[in-house]
């Protein structure tokens, strides 16, 4: 079995996407927790903004992996 450059590229893209998503989600959730600790009255608004932020952070790695697999099957 031969591993070509495209397969390695897809693996590196998947690893980078997972790492970036984990760091991004951690930063977004950390900011929400700090904001709630400082001002508990606006927890609901912070939570809704957190879910929007997490969704945006997750969108980029999903698109990156989809493009990587498209290039692999080309």
C-alpha atoms as a PDB file:
ATOM      1  CA  UNK A   1       0.000   0.000   0.000  1.00  0.00           C
ATOM      2  CA  UNK A   2       1.372   3.344  -1.051  1.00  0.00           C
ATOM      3  CA  UNK A   3       0.628   6.592   0.778  1.00  0.00           C
ATOM      4  CA  UNK A   4       0.698   9.626  -1.464  1.00  0.00           C
ATOM      5  CA  UNK A   5       1.108  13.289  -0.669  1.00  0.00           C
ATOM      6  CA  UNK A   6      -2.632  13.996  -0.877  1.00  0.00           C
ATOM      7  CA  UNK A   7      -3.377  11.513   1.902  1.00  0.00           C
ATOM      8  CA  UNK A   8      -0.786  13.113   4.157  1.00  0.00           C
ATOM      9  CA  UNK A   9      -2.220  16.535   3.342  1.00  0.00           C
ATOM     10  CA  UNK A  10      -5.731  15.425   4.280  1.00  0.00           C
ATOM     11  CA  UNK A  11      -4.440  14.014   7.555  1.00  0.00           C
ATOM     12  CA  UNK A  12      -2.602  17.222   8.397  1.00  0.00           C
ATOM     13  CA  UNK A  13      -5.654  19.279   7.470  1.00  0.00           C
ATOM     14  CA  UNK A  14      -7.888  17.167   9.708  1.00  0.00           C
ATOM     15  CA  UNK A  15      -5.430  17.433  12.599  1.00  0.00           C
ATOM     16  CA  UNK A  16      -5.078  21.199  12.187  1.00  0.00           C
ATOM     17  CA  UNK A  17      -8.836  21.653  11.929  1.00  0.00           C
ATOM     18  CA  UNK A  18      -9.444  19.632  15.088  1.00  0.00           C
ATOM     19  CA  UNK A  19      -6.735  21.509  16.987  1.00  0.00           C
ATOM     20  CA  UNK A  20      -7.991  24.897  15.832  1.00  0.00           C
ATOM     21  CA  UNK A  21     -11.603  24.070  16.676  1.00  0.00           C
ATOM     22  CA  UNK A  22     -10.619  22.877  20.145  1.00  0.00           C
ATOM     23  CA  UNK A  23      -8.631  26.015  20.882  1.00  0.00           C
ATOM     24  CA  UNK A  24     -11.343  28.272  19.462  1.00  0.00           C
ATOM     25  CA  UNK A  25     -14.121  26.592  21.426  1.00  0.00           C
ATOM     26  CA  UNK A  26     -12.059  26.782  24.591  1.00  0.00           C
ATOM     27  CA  UNK A  27     -11.511  30.520  24.150  1.00  0.00           C
ATOM     28  CA  UNK A  28     -15.189  31.205  23.432  1.00  0.00           C
ATOM     29  CA  UNK A  29     -16.417  29.189  26.412  1.00  0.00           C
ATOM     30  CA  UNK A  30     -13.749  30.678  28.668  1.00  0.00           C
ATOM     31  CA  UNK A  31     -14.916  34.189  27.758  1.00  0.00           C
ATOM     32  CA  UNK A  32     -18.525  33.208  28.514  1.00  0.00           C
ATOM     33  CA  UNK A  33     -17.606  31.813  31.916  1.00  0.00           C
ATOM     34  CA  UNK A  34     -15.557  34.911  32.795  1.00  0.00           C
ATOM     35  CA  UNK A  35     -18.375  37.197  31.655  1.00  0.00           C
ATOM     36  CA  UNK A  36     -20.915  35.278  33.712  1.00  0.00           C
ATOM     37  CA  UNK A  37     -18.662  35.404  36.767  1.00  0.00           C
ATOM     38  CA  UNK A  38     -18.307  39.181  36.439  1.00  0.00           C
ATOM     39  CA  UNK A  39     -21.943  39.929  35.599  1.00  0.00           C
ATOM     40  CA  UNK A  40     -24.373  37.069  36.388  1.00  0.00           C
ATOM     41  CA  UNK A  41     -27.433  39.082  35.323  1.00  0.00           C
ATOM     42  CA  UNK A  42     -26.623  38.783  31.619  1.00  0.00           C
ATOM     43  CA  UNK A  43     -25.943  35.043  31.598  1.00  0.00           C
ATOM     44  CA  UNK A  44     -28.752  34.346  29.101  1.00  0.00           C
ATOM     45  CA  UNK A  45     -27.438  36.853  26.563  1.00  0.00           C
ATOM     46  CA  UNK A  46     -23.884  35.596  27.007  1.00  0.00           C
ATOM     47  CA  UNK A  47     -25.020  32.010  26.540  1.00  0.00           C
ATOM     48  CA  UNK A  48     -26.807  32.768  23.276  1.00  0.00           C
ATOM     49  CA  UNK A  49     -23.761  34.667  22.006  1.00  0.00           C
ATOM     50  CA  UNK A  50     -21.567  31.752  23.066  1.00  0.00           C
ATOM     51  CA  UNK A  51     -23.623  29.292  21.004  1.00  0.00           C
ATOM     52  CA  UNK A  52     -23.367  31.560  17.965  1.00  0.00           C
ATOM     53  CA  UNK A  53     -19.601  31.841  18.485  1.00  0.00           C
ATOM     54  CA  UNK A  54     -19.159  28.088  18.888  1.00  0.00           C
ATOM     55  CA  UNK A  55     -21.180  27.515  15.713  1.00  0.00           C
ATOM     56  CA  UNK A  56     -18.980  29.920  13.779  1.00  0.00           C
ATOM     57  CA  UNK A  57     -15.810  28.367  15.191  1.00  0.00           C
ATOM     58  CA  UNK A  58     -17.013  24.880  14.194  1.00  0.00           C
ATOM     59  CA  UNK A  59     -17.971  25.930  10.663  1.00  0.00           C
ATOM     60  CA  UNK A  60     -14.423  26.627   9.498  1.00  0.00           C
ATOM     61  CA  UNK A  61     -12.930  23.177  10.327  1.00  0.00           C
ATOM     62  CA  UNK A  62     -15.919  21.430   8.754  1.00  0.00           C
ATOM     63  CA  UNK A  63     -15.400  23.395   5.538  1.00  0.00           C
ATOM     64  CA  UNK A  64     -11.643  22.688   5.652  1.00  0.00           C
ATOM     65  CA  UNK A  65     -12.163  18.942   5.996  1.00  0.00           C
ATOM     66  CA  UNK A  66     -14.784  18.938   3.232  1.00  0.00           C
ATOM     67  CA  UNK A  67     -12.393  20.722   0.874  1.00  0.00           C
ATOM     68  CA  UNK A  68      -9.559  18.368   1.842  1.00  0.00           C
ATOM     69  CA  UNK A  69     -11.661  15.302   1.015  1.00  0.00           C
ATOM     70  CA  UNK A  70     -12.776  16.884  -2.253  1.00  0.00           C
ATOM     71  CA  UNK A  71      -9.131  17.386  -3.205  1.00  0.00           C
ATOM     72  CA  UNK A  72      -8.295  13.827  -2.151  1.00  0.00           C
ATOM     73  CA  UNK A  73     -10.929  12.348  -4.434  1.00  0.00           C
ATOM     74  CA  UNK A  74      -9.970  14.547  -7.389  1.00  0.00           C
END
